[in-house]
N, C-alpha and C. Protein backbone atom coordinates (compact mmCIF):
# COMPACT_ATOMS: atom_id res chain seq x y z
N MET A 1 9.57 53.74 -13.56
CA MET A 1 8.68 52.71 -14.05
C MET A 1 8.66 51.71 -12.88
N GLU A 2 7.50 51.27 -12.49
CA GLU A 2 7.32 50.32 -11.44
C GLU A 2 7.06 48.90 -11.96
N THR A 3 7.71 47.88 -11.51
CA THR A 3 7.55 46.56 -11.89
C THR A 3 6.84 45.78 -10.67
N ARG A 4 5.87 45.13 -11.06
CA ARG A 4 5.10 44.36 -9.93
C ARG A 4 5.25 42.87 -10.30
N THR A 5 5.60 42.13 -9.44
CA THR A 5 5.57 40.57 -9.71
C THR A 5 4.55 40.05 -8.63
N GLU A 6 3.72 39.14 -9.06
CA GLU A 6 2.92 38.48 -8.25
C GLU A 6 3.03 36.97 -8.35
N GLY A 7 3.00 36.35 -7.22
CA GLY A 7 3.12 34.79 -7.28
C GLY A 7 1.78 34.27 -7.75
N VAL A 8 1.96 33.11 -8.52
CA VAL A 8 0.85 32.35 -8.87
C VAL A 8 0.88 31.01 -8.38
N ASP A 9 -0.16 30.64 -7.58
CA ASP A 9 -0.23 29.31 -7.00
C ASP A 9 -0.82 28.35 -8.05
N LEU A 10 0.03 27.43 -8.56
CA LEU A 10 -0.54 26.49 -9.50
C LEU A 10 -1.31 25.33 -8.79
N VAL A 11 -0.98 25.13 -7.56
CA VAL A 11 -1.85 24.21 -6.80
C VAL A 11 -1.92 24.73 -5.41
N GLY A 12 -3.07 24.54 -4.64
CA GLY A 12 -3.12 24.87 -3.35
C GLY A 12 -2.07 24.32 -2.38
N ASP A 13 -2.04 24.90 -1.13
CA ASP A 13 -1.01 24.38 -0.18
C ASP A 13 -1.44 23.05 0.28
N ASP A 14 -2.75 22.77 0.42
CA ASP A 14 -3.19 21.43 0.80
C ASP A 14 -2.87 20.36 -0.11
N VAL A 15 -3.05 20.61 -1.44
CA VAL A 15 -2.68 19.66 -2.48
C VAL A 15 -1.20 19.35 -2.46
N ALA A 16 -0.41 20.49 -2.37
CA ALA A 16 1.06 20.32 -2.39
C ALA A 16 1.53 19.42 -1.07
N ILE A 17 0.97 19.81 0.05
CA ILE A 17 1.35 18.98 1.22
C ILE A 17 0.91 17.50 1.03
N ASN A 18 -0.31 17.27 0.60
CA ASN A 18 -0.80 15.93 0.48
C ASN A 18 0.01 15.21 -0.59
N LEU A 19 0.40 15.82 -1.66
CA LEU A 19 1.21 15.29 -2.74
C LEU A 19 2.59 14.90 -2.11
N ALA A 20 3.13 15.71 -1.28
CA ALA A 20 4.44 15.43 -0.64
C ALA A 20 4.34 14.27 0.28
N ARG A 21 3.21 14.11 1.06
CA ARG A 21 2.98 12.97 1.89
C ARG A 21 2.73 11.75 1.12
N ALA A 22 1.98 11.84 0.02
CA ALA A 22 1.85 10.55 -0.80
C ALA A 22 3.08 10.20 -1.43
N SER A 23 3.97 11.10 -1.79
CA SER A 23 5.31 10.66 -2.43
C SER A 23 6.19 10.00 -1.28
N LEU A 24 6.02 10.59 0.00
CA LEU A 24 6.82 10.01 1.05
C LEU A 24 6.32 8.52 1.20
N PHE A 25 4.98 8.28 1.28
CA PHE A 25 4.49 7.00 1.52
C PHE A 25 4.82 6.02 0.37
N ALA A 26 4.95 6.59 -0.83
CA ALA A 26 5.31 5.76 -2.04
C ALA A 26 6.73 5.30 -1.82
N ALA A 27 7.59 6.28 -1.32
CA ALA A 27 8.99 5.86 -1.02
C ALA A 27 9.15 4.82 0.06
N VAL A 28 8.21 5.00 1.05
CA VAL A 28 8.30 4.05 2.17
C VAL A 28 7.95 2.69 1.73
N VAL A 29 6.85 2.58 0.87
CA VAL A 29 6.62 1.23 0.29
C VAL A 29 7.65 0.67 -0.57
N GLY A 30 8.34 1.56 -1.38
CA GLY A 30 9.51 1.16 -2.10
C GLY A 30 10.64 0.70 -1.26
N ALA A 31 10.93 1.29 -0.08
CA ALA A 31 11.90 0.85 0.83
C ALA A 31 11.48 -0.45 1.43
N PHE A 32 10.20 -0.66 1.81
CA PHE A 32 9.89 -1.85 2.41
C PHE A 32 9.90 -3.04 1.42
N ALA A 33 9.97 -2.77 0.14
CA ALA A 33 10.10 -3.86 -0.96
C ALA A 33 11.42 -4.46 -0.85
N TYR A 34 12.46 -3.73 -0.18
CA TYR A 34 13.77 -4.33 -0.07
C TYR A 34 13.96 -5.30 1.13
N VAL A 35 12.90 -5.19 2.00
CA VAL A 35 12.83 -6.22 3.03
C VAL A 35 12.04 -7.42 2.54
N SER A 36 12.84 -8.18 1.78
CA SER A 36 12.13 -9.30 0.89
C SER A 36 13.01 -10.39 0.97
N PHE A 37 12.37 -11.55 1.16
CA PHE A 37 13.05 -12.82 1.09
C PHE A 37 12.24 -13.93 0.54
N PRO A 38 12.82 -14.86 -0.24
CA PRO A 38 12.01 -15.91 -0.96
C PRO A 38 11.34 -16.77 0.16
N PHE A 39 10.18 -17.23 -0.25
CA PHE A 39 9.43 -18.14 0.63
C PHE A 39 9.29 -19.51 -0.11
N PRO A 40 9.82 -20.56 0.44
CA PRO A 40 9.79 -21.68 -0.28
C PRO A 40 8.35 -22.40 -0.69
N LEU A 41 7.41 -22.01 -0.03
CA LEU A 41 6.13 -22.43 -0.35
C LEU A 41 5.31 -21.65 -1.36
N SER A 42 6.01 -20.58 -1.91
CA SER A 42 5.20 -19.73 -2.83
C SER A 42 6.21 -19.10 -3.79
N PRO A 43 5.75 -18.81 -5.08
CA PRO A 43 6.56 -18.07 -6.05
C PRO A 43 6.66 -16.56 -5.62
N ALA A 44 5.85 -16.15 -4.77
CA ALA A 44 5.98 -14.74 -4.31
C ALA A 44 6.71 -14.68 -3.05
N PRO A 45 7.58 -13.57 -2.81
CA PRO A 45 8.37 -13.42 -1.70
C PRO A 45 7.62 -12.80 -0.54
N VAL A 46 8.14 -12.88 0.60
CA VAL A 46 7.67 -12.15 1.82
C VAL A 46 8.26 -10.70 1.75
N THR A 47 7.45 -9.71 1.89
CA THR A 47 8.03 -8.34 1.89
C THR A 47 7.23 -7.65 2.88
N LEU A 48 7.66 -6.39 3.20
CA LEU A 48 6.92 -5.46 4.13
C LEU A 48 6.07 -4.50 3.39
N GLN A 49 5.92 -4.66 2.07
CA GLN A 49 5.19 -3.68 1.23
C GLN A 49 3.76 -3.52 1.75
N VAL A 50 3.15 -4.59 2.11
CA VAL A 50 1.75 -4.55 2.61
C VAL A 50 1.64 -3.64 3.86
N LEU A 51 2.61 -3.61 4.72
CA LEU A 51 2.53 -2.71 5.91
C LEU A 51 2.51 -1.32 5.42
N GLY A 52 3.30 -0.94 4.45
CA GLY A 52 3.38 0.33 3.90
C GLY A 52 1.86 0.71 3.29
N VAL A 53 1.29 -0.24 2.60
CA VAL A 53 -0.08 0.02 2.01
C VAL A 53 -1.11 0.29 3.19
N PHE A 54 -0.98 -0.53 4.27
CA PHE A 54 -1.81 -0.18 5.42
C PHE A 54 -1.66 1.17 6.00
N LEU A 55 -0.36 1.55 6.10
CA LEU A 55 -0.03 2.82 6.82
C LEU A 55 -0.46 3.95 5.79
N ALA A 56 -0.31 3.80 4.52
CA ALA A 56 -0.69 4.85 3.64
C ALA A 56 -2.27 5.13 3.78
N GLY A 57 -2.98 4.04 3.81
CA GLY A 57 -4.50 4.24 3.94
C GLY A 57 -4.86 4.86 5.26
N ILE A 58 -4.18 4.45 6.38
CA ILE A 58 -4.51 4.92 7.72
C ILE A 58 -4.15 6.34 7.85
N PHE A 59 -2.93 6.67 7.45
CA PHE A 59 -2.47 8.08 7.79
C PHE A 59 -2.91 9.06 6.66
N LEU A 60 -3.01 8.61 5.39
CA LEU A 60 -3.45 9.64 4.32
C LEU A 60 -4.93 9.61 3.97
N GLY A 61 -5.60 8.49 4.28
CA GLY A 61 -7.00 8.35 3.96
C GLY A 61 -7.15 7.70 2.63
N PRO A 62 -8.41 7.46 2.23
CA PRO A 62 -8.58 6.75 0.89
C PRO A 62 -8.10 7.40 -0.25
N VAL A 63 -8.24 8.70 -0.46
CA VAL A 63 -7.88 9.41 -1.64
C VAL A 63 -6.30 9.45 -1.81
N TRP A 64 -5.66 10.07 -0.80
CA TRP A 64 -4.26 10.28 -0.90
C TRP A 64 -3.47 9.04 -0.67
N GLY A 65 -4.06 7.99 0.05
CA GLY A 65 -3.48 6.69 0.17
C GLY A 65 -3.33 6.03 -1.14
N GLY A 66 -4.46 6.05 -1.84
CA GLY A 66 -4.47 5.45 -3.27
C GLY A 66 -3.57 6.14 -4.10
N VAL A 67 -3.48 7.46 -4.09
CA VAL A 67 -2.52 8.31 -4.90
C VAL A 67 -1.17 7.86 -4.57
N ALA A 68 -0.85 7.69 -3.34
CA ALA A 68 0.48 7.22 -2.91
C ALA A 68 0.93 5.96 -3.64
N LEU A 69 0.01 4.95 -3.60
CA LEU A 69 0.35 3.72 -4.14
C LEU A 69 0.38 3.77 -5.80
N LEU A 70 -0.47 4.69 -6.42
CA LEU A 70 -0.35 4.92 -7.79
C LEU A 70 0.99 5.47 -8.16
N LEU A 71 1.42 6.44 -7.22
CA LEU A 71 2.81 6.99 -7.44
C LEU A 71 3.84 5.95 -7.44
N TYR A 72 3.72 5.04 -6.52
CA TYR A 72 4.69 3.87 -6.30
C TYR A 72 4.66 3.06 -7.53
N LEU A 73 3.47 2.59 -8.08
CA LEU A 73 3.43 1.86 -9.31
C LEU A 73 3.93 2.55 -10.48
N ALA A 74 3.73 3.87 -10.61
CA ALA A 74 4.27 4.60 -11.78
C ALA A 74 5.78 4.69 -11.66
N ALA A 75 6.35 5.03 -10.46
CA ALA A 75 7.81 4.91 -10.39
C ALA A 75 8.38 3.64 -10.61
N GLY A 76 7.71 2.62 -10.27
CA GLY A 76 8.38 1.28 -10.58
C GLY A 76 8.27 0.93 -12.02
N ALA A 77 7.10 1.25 -12.66
CA ALA A 77 6.94 0.93 -14.04
C ALA A 77 7.88 1.77 -14.93
N LEU A 78 8.34 3.05 -14.49
CA LEU A 78 9.23 3.78 -15.15
C LEU A 78 10.68 3.41 -14.98
N GLY A 79 10.87 2.45 -14.04
CA GLY A 79 12.30 1.82 -13.87
C GLY A 79 12.83 1.97 -12.55
N ALA A 80 12.28 2.66 -11.57
CA ALA A 80 12.88 2.79 -10.24
C ALA A 80 12.80 1.45 -9.63
N PRO A 81 13.99 0.94 -9.09
CA PRO A 81 13.95 -0.50 -8.62
C PRO A 81 13.22 -0.64 -7.17
N ILE A 82 12.04 -0.44 -7.21
CA ILE A 82 11.26 -0.47 -5.89
C ILE A 82 10.13 -1.45 -5.80
N PHE A 83 10.17 -2.50 -6.70
CA PHE A 83 9.25 -3.66 -6.41
C PHE A 83 10.15 -4.64 -5.64
N SER A 84 9.46 -5.72 -5.34
CA SER A 84 10.14 -6.69 -4.42
C SER A 84 11.39 -7.09 -4.85
N GLY A 85 12.46 -7.11 -4.02
CA GLY A 85 13.77 -7.49 -4.39
C GLY A 85 14.54 -6.53 -5.24
N GLY A 86 14.04 -5.42 -5.49
CA GLY A 86 14.74 -4.39 -6.24
C GLY A 86 14.22 -4.49 -7.70
N SER A 87 13.31 -5.19 -8.03
CA SER A 87 12.92 -5.28 -9.50
C SER A 87 12.13 -3.99 -9.93
N ALA A 88 11.95 -3.90 -11.17
CA ALA A 88 11.35 -2.68 -11.83
C ALA A 88 10.89 -2.94 -13.11
N GLY A 89 10.12 -2.12 -13.75
CA GLY A 89 9.66 -2.03 -15.12
C GLY A 89 8.33 -2.52 -15.24
N LEU A 90 7.75 -2.37 -16.52
CA LEU A 90 6.43 -2.76 -16.85
C LEU A 90 6.18 -4.18 -16.79
N GLY A 91 7.32 -5.02 -16.95
CA GLY A 91 7.22 -6.42 -16.87
C GLY A 91 6.60 -6.95 -15.52
N SER A 92 7.08 -6.25 -14.47
CA SER A 92 6.63 -6.55 -13.22
C SER A 92 5.09 -6.35 -12.95
N LEU A 93 4.56 -5.43 -13.71
CA LEU A 93 3.19 -5.03 -13.72
C LEU A 93 2.26 -5.80 -14.66
N LEU A 94 2.97 -6.52 -15.58
CA LEU A 94 2.13 -7.15 -16.67
C LEU A 94 2.43 -8.66 -16.80
N ALA A 95 3.52 -9.18 -16.34
CA ALA A 95 3.73 -10.54 -16.67
C ALA A 95 4.33 -11.38 -15.50
N GLU A 96 4.70 -10.84 -14.35
CA GLU A 96 5.23 -11.60 -13.22
C GLU A 96 4.13 -12.13 -12.36
N PRO A 97 4.44 -13.17 -11.59
CA PRO A 97 3.42 -13.85 -10.80
C PRO A 97 2.84 -12.99 -9.74
N THR A 98 3.61 -11.84 -9.41
CA THR A 98 3.22 -10.90 -8.40
C THR A 98 2.45 -9.80 -8.84
N LEU A 99 2.18 -9.67 -10.07
CA LEU A 99 1.49 -8.43 -10.65
C LEU A 99 0.13 -8.25 -9.91
N GLY A 100 -0.62 -9.15 -9.58
CA GLY A 100 -1.94 -8.93 -8.95
C GLY A 100 -1.79 -8.21 -7.61
N TYR A 101 -0.78 -8.59 -6.94
CA TYR A 101 -0.61 -7.94 -5.62
C TYR A 101 -0.27 -6.38 -5.88
N LEU A 102 0.65 -6.19 -6.75
CA LEU A 102 1.06 -4.75 -6.99
C LEU A 102 -0.18 -3.94 -7.46
N TRP A 103 -0.95 -4.46 -8.39
CA TRP A 103 -2.16 -3.71 -8.86
C TRP A 103 -3.20 -3.55 -7.75
N ALA A 104 -3.24 -4.40 -6.84
CA ALA A 104 -4.14 -4.28 -5.63
C ALA A 104 -3.88 -3.28 -4.71
N TYR A 105 -2.51 -2.85 -4.68
CA TYR A 105 -2.14 -1.96 -3.62
C TYR A 105 -2.86 -0.55 -3.48
N PRO A 106 -3.16 0.05 -4.62
CA PRO A 106 -3.90 1.35 -4.49
C PRO A 106 -5.31 1.14 -4.03
N ILE A 107 -5.90 0.05 -4.48
CA ILE A 107 -7.28 -0.28 -4.14
C ILE A 107 -7.36 -0.53 -2.67
N ALA A 108 -6.41 -1.42 -2.24
CA ALA A 108 -6.30 -1.78 -0.84
C ALA A 108 -6.12 -0.57 0.10
N ALA A 109 -5.33 0.37 -0.30
CA ALA A 109 -4.99 1.58 0.50
C ALA A 109 -6.34 2.39 0.59
N MET A 110 -7.03 2.53 -0.54
CA MET A 110 -8.40 3.23 -0.56
C MET A 110 -9.34 2.49 0.37
N VAL A 111 -9.38 1.12 0.29
CA VAL A 111 -10.32 0.42 1.23
C VAL A 111 -9.96 0.65 2.66
N VAL A 112 -8.70 0.51 3.03
CA VAL A 112 -8.24 0.73 4.45
C VAL A 112 -8.60 2.09 4.96
N GLY A 113 -8.31 3.20 4.08
CA GLY A 113 -8.48 4.57 4.46
C GLY A 113 -10.04 4.87 4.55
N GLY A 114 -10.78 4.29 3.60
CA GLY A 114 -12.18 4.43 3.59
C GLY A 114 -12.85 3.93 4.85
N ILE A 115 -12.40 2.74 5.25
CA ILE A 115 -13.03 2.12 6.42
C ILE A 115 -12.61 2.83 7.71
N VAL A 116 -11.21 3.09 7.83
CA VAL A 116 -10.79 3.81 9.04
C VAL A 116 -11.32 5.15 9.22
N HIS A 117 -11.46 5.86 8.07
CA HIS A 117 -11.88 7.34 8.24
C HIS A 117 -13.39 7.53 7.96
N ARG A 118 -14.07 6.42 7.61
CA ARG A 118 -15.47 6.38 7.41
C ARG A 118 -15.91 7.37 6.21
N GLY A 119 -15.13 7.34 5.24
CA GLY A 119 -15.24 8.20 4.07
C GLY A 119 -13.94 8.86 3.71
N THR A 120 -14.03 10.07 2.96
CA THR A 120 -12.79 10.67 2.49
C THR A 120 -12.24 11.79 3.40
N THR A 121 -12.88 12.16 4.49
CA THR A 121 -12.45 13.16 5.32
C THR A 121 -11.65 12.56 6.44
N LEU A 122 -10.42 12.97 6.79
CA LEU A 122 -9.61 12.25 7.69
C LEU A 122 -10.15 12.52 9.15
N ARG A 123 -10.10 11.41 9.87
CA ARG A 123 -10.66 11.52 11.29
C ARG A 123 -9.38 11.50 12.15
N ASP A 124 -9.50 12.01 13.33
CA ASP A 124 -8.50 11.96 14.31
C ASP A 124 -8.14 10.46 14.62
N ARG A 125 -6.90 10.10 14.55
CA ARG A 125 -6.49 8.67 14.70
C ARG A 125 -6.79 8.16 16.06
N GLN A 126 -6.84 9.07 17.01
CA GLN A 126 -7.15 8.75 18.42
C GLN A 126 -8.69 8.24 18.58
N GLU A 127 -9.46 8.68 17.74
CA GLU A 127 -10.87 8.22 17.67
C GLU A 127 -11.14 6.90 17.05
N ILE A 128 -10.21 6.34 16.36
CA ILE A 128 -10.31 5.10 15.70
C ILE A 128 -10.17 3.97 16.65
N GLY A 129 -11.21 3.20 16.71
CA GLY A 129 -11.18 1.99 17.59
C GLY A 129 -10.38 0.89 17.10
N LEU A 130 -9.90 -0.02 17.95
CA LEU A 130 -9.10 -1.13 17.50
C LEU A 130 -9.88 -2.04 16.60
N PRO A 131 -11.12 -2.36 16.84
CA PRO A 131 -11.74 -3.24 15.78
C PRO A 131 -11.85 -2.65 14.56
N THR A 132 -12.06 -1.33 14.37
CA THR A 132 -12.21 -0.62 13.09
C THR A 132 -10.79 -0.64 12.34
N LEU A 133 -9.77 -0.42 13.13
CA LEU A 133 -8.41 -0.42 12.58
C LEU A 133 -8.07 -1.80 12.10
N VAL A 134 -8.27 -2.84 12.80
CA VAL A 134 -7.96 -4.27 12.49
C VAL A 134 -8.82 -4.72 11.32
N GLY A 135 -10.12 -4.38 11.41
CA GLY A 135 -11.07 -4.72 10.29
C GLY A 135 -10.77 -4.16 9.01
N ALA A 136 -10.25 -2.83 9.05
CA ALA A 136 -9.84 -2.16 7.88
C ALA A 136 -8.63 -2.89 7.16
N MET A 137 -7.65 -3.23 7.95
CA MET A 137 -6.57 -3.91 7.42
C MET A 137 -6.85 -5.32 6.94
N VAL A 138 -7.80 -6.02 7.60
CA VAL A 138 -8.16 -7.30 7.18
C VAL A 138 -8.88 -7.18 5.80
N ALA A 139 -9.75 -6.13 5.59
CA ALA A 139 -10.36 -5.93 4.31
C ALA A 139 -9.32 -5.57 3.28
N GLY A 140 -8.32 -4.75 3.61
CA GLY A 140 -7.31 -4.48 2.63
C GLY A 140 -6.47 -5.73 2.28
N THR A 141 -6.27 -6.68 3.18
CA THR A 141 -5.60 -7.89 2.98
C THR A 141 -6.41 -8.76 2.07
N VAL A 142 -7.78 -8.73 2.21
CA VAL A 142 -8.63 -9.61 1.31
C VAL A 142 -8.52 -9.07 -0.14
N VAL A 143 -8.43 -7.69 -0.30
CA VAL A 143 -8.36 -7.10 -1.58
C VAL A 143 -7.05 -7.53 -2.25
N ILE A 144 -5.94 -7.38 -1.46
CA ILE A 144 -4.60 -7.70 -2.08
C ILE A 144 -4.53 -9.17 -2.45
N TYR A 145 -5.01 -10.08 -1.58
CA TYR A 145 -4.88 -11.49 -1.90
C TYR A 145 -5.86 -11.94 -2.88
N THR A 146 -6.95 -11.28 -3.12
CA THR A 146 -7.96 -11.62 -4.20
C THR A 146 -7.28 -11.31 -5.47
N PHE A 147 -6.70 -10.12 -5.65
CA PHE A 147 -6.02 -9.79 -6.95
C PHE A 147 -4.77 -10.69 -7.05
N GLY A 148 -3.97 -10.93 -6.06
CA GLY A 148 -2.88 -11.65 -6.16
C GLY A 148 -3.02 -13.12 -6.51
N VAL A 149 -3.97 -13.79 -5.91
CA VAL A 149 -4.24 -15.18 -6.18
C VAL A 149 -4.80 -15.30 -7.64
N LEU A 150 -5.77 -14.38 -8.06
CA LEU A 150 -6.22 -14.48 -9.51
C LEU A 150 -5.21 -14.31 -10.46
N ALA A 151 -4.25 -13.37 -10.33
CA ALA A 151 -3.21 -13.14 -11.28
C ALA A 151 -2.20 -14.31 -11.24
N MET A 152 -1.87 -14.69 -10.04
CA MET A 152 -0.85 -15.86 -9.94
C MET A 152 -1.50 -17.08 -10.62
N ALA A 153 -2.72 -17.39 -10.48
CA ALA A 153 -3.35 -18.47 -11.17
C ALA A 153 -3.18 -18.33 -12.70
N ALA A 154 -3.53 -17.14 -13.16
CA ALA A 154 -3.41 -16.87 -14.62
C ALA A 154 -1.96 -16.88 -15.17
N VAL A 155 -1.04 -16.31 -14.55
CA VAL A 155 0.29 -16.25 -14.93
C VAL A 155 1.04 -17.55 -14.91
N LEU A 156 0.75 -18.32 -13.81
CA LEU A 156 1.49 -19.51 -13.67
C LEU A 156 0.67 -20.86 -13.95
N ALA A 157 -0.60 -20.60 -14.60
CA ALA A 157 -1.44 -21.68 -14.95
C ALA A 157 -1.73 -22.67 -13.87
N LEU A 158 -2.04 -22.05 -12.65
CA LEU A 158 -2.38 -22.83 -11.47
C LEU A 158 -3.94 -22.94 -11.31
N THR A 159 -4.40 -23.98 -10.63
CA THR A 159 -5.86 -24.00 -10.34
C THR A 159 -6.04 -22.93 -9.25
N LEU A 160 -7.30 -22.49 -9.07
CA LEU A 160 -7.46 -21.50 -7.97
C LEU A 160 -7.20 -22.00 -6.66
N PRO A 161 -7.51 -23.25 -6.29
CA PRO A 161 -7.06 -23.73 -4.98
C PRO A 161 -5.53 -23.67 -4.85
N GLU A 162 -4.80 -24.16 -5.83
CA GLU A 162 -3.27 -24.15 -5.80
C GLU A 162 -2.77 -22.75 -5.53
N ALA A 163 -3.34 -21.70 -6.37
CA ALA A 163 -3.00 -20.29 -6.27
C ALA A 163 -3.29 -19.73 -4.94
N PHE A 164 -4.50 -20.13 -4.44
CA PHE A 164 -4.96 -19.67 -3.05
C PHE A 164 -4.01 -20.17 -2.04
N LEU A 165 -3.72 -21.43 -2.07
CA LEU A 165 -2.70 -22.00 -1.05
C LEU A 165 -1.30 -21.29 -1.16
N GLN A 166 -0.76 -21.23 -2.39
CA GLN A 166 0.58 -20.70 -2.52
C GLN A 166 0.52 -19.15 -2.46
N GLY A 167 -0.50 -18.53 -2.84
CA GLY A 167 -0.50 -17.09 -3.00
C GLY A 167 -1.14 -16.30 -1.84
N ALA A 168 -1.80 -17.08 -0.95
CA ALA A 168 -2.48 -16.36 0.22
C ALA A 168 -2.33 -17.09 1.57
N VAL A 169 -2.68 -18.45 1.63
CA VAL A 169 -2.71 -19.08 2.90
C VAL A 169 -1.43 -19.02 3.60
N VAL A 170 -0.28 -19.35 2.83
CA VAL A 170 1.03 -19.40 3.41
C VAL A 170 1.49 -18.03 3.97
N PHE A 171 0.87 -17.03 3.59
CA PHE A 171 1.35 -15.62 3.95
C PHE A 171 0.53 -15.13 5.19
N LEU A 172 -0.55 -15.76 5.64
CA LEU A 172 -1.38 -15.31 6.62
C LEU A 172 -0.58 -14.87 7.90
N PRO A 173 0.18 -15.79 8.45
CA PRO A 173 0.94 -15.36 9.72
C PRO A 173 1.75 -14.10 9.42
N ALA A 174 2.37 -13.85 8.27
CA ALA A 174 3.07 -12.62 8.03
C ALA A 174 2.30 -11.41 8.00
N GLU A 175 0.91 -11.60 7.35
CA GLU A 175 0.02 -10.44 7.33
C GLU A 175 -0.47 -10.15 8.76
N ALA A 176 -0.57 -11.12 9.57
CA ALA A 176 -1.05 -10.97 11.01
C ALA A 176 -0.02 -10.06 11.72
N ALA A 177 1.19 -10.36 11.51
CA ALA A 177 2.29 -9.59 12.11
C ALA A 177 2.37 -8.19 11.63
N LYS A 178 2.05 -7.98 10.28
CA LYS A 178 2.02 -6.68 9.72
C LYS A 178 0.90 -5.84 10.25
N ILE A 179 -0.25 -6.55 10.54
CA ILE A 179 -1.42 -5.85 11.11
C ILE A 179 -1.04 -5.36 12.55
N VAL A 180 -0.34 -6.34 13.33
CA VAL A 180 0.07 -5.97 14.73
C VAL A 180 1.04 -4.74 14.64
N ALA A 181 2.02 -4.81 13.68
CA ALA A 181 2.96 -3.62 13.70
C ALA A 181 2.22 -2.40 13.29
N ALA A 182 1.28 -2.42 12.32
CA ALA A 182 0.65 -1.24 11.94
C ALA A 182 -0.22 -0.65 13.08
N VAL A 183 -0.86 -1.55 13.92
CA VAL A 183 -1.59 -1.05 15.09
C VAL A 183 -0.63 -0.33 16.08
N GLY A 184 0.54 -0.94 16.24
CA GLY A 184 1.62 -0.42 17.18
C GLY A 184 2.08 0.99 16.76
N ILE A 185 2.26 1.13 15.35
CA ILE A 185 2.70 2.43 14.82
C ILE A 185 1.62 3.41 14.95
N VAL A 186 0.42 3.07 14.61
CA VAL A 186 -0.71 4.06 14.70
C VAL A 186 -0.96 4.42 16.20
N ARG A 187 -0.96 3.48 17.05
CA ARG A 187 -1.26 3.85 18.43
C ARG A 187 -0.07 4.64 19.00
N SER A 188 1.16 4.33 18.72
CA SER A 188 2.26 5.07 19.23
C SER A 188 2.27 6.60 18.66
N ASP A 189 1.85 6.64 17.38
CA ASP A 189 1.65 8.03 16.85
C ASP A 189 0.48 8.90 17.50
N ALA A 190 -0.50 8.08 17.82
CA ALA A 190 -1.66 8.76 18.29
C ALA A 190 -1.40 9.30 19.78
N ILE A 191 -0.53 8.37 20.47
CA ILE A 191 -0.12 8.82 21.80
C ILE A 191 0.78 9.96 21.83
N ALA A 192 1.82 9.95 20.88
CA ALA A 192 2.73 11.03 20.73
C ALA A 192 2.12 12.41 20.44
N ALA A 193 0.89 12.23 19.60
CA ALA A 193 0.28 13.57 19.15
C ALA A 193 -0.47 14.15 20.39
N THR A 194 -0.80 13.42 21.51
CA THR A 194 -1.36 14.20 22.55
C THR A 194 -0.40 14.99 23.50
């Protein structure tokens, strides 16, 4: 009697690879959350999470970059201590002054990826011009700070100008540094790929 076994692929290789990459970027953003320090002019801390959001959109594109940040939010909501300063749980996503920033991350990664890759198909990073790269990250920053400021105003009962000052303006130099760092990482990766 002959027994035959055949493998069954539940998901294609491309999906499995992209899911692994998305999981890796979710972990990177979680690790970047530990680079966090209080900022005296704001109730929100300074972290490197936004750099991870930029890189997810650039390296994974709009679809898988967004998935990476949804995985990040899901892991944090389920209790993994991967939000700023090692916080976790649904409370961080529902009642903290920083909830708007967190909810904006998947959308920002999608915006960055969509602008950089001009759609959902990944382009060769060597073909991406500096203005496109910087413009995409500026657009992502606008998304993050729009959500962040609105949520901060609601949670802390601040006026919109107060929330804008405490939740966006004071962080602009740090965001500029993250954009510069992301450009350096992307350009060094593009050079290494040649």
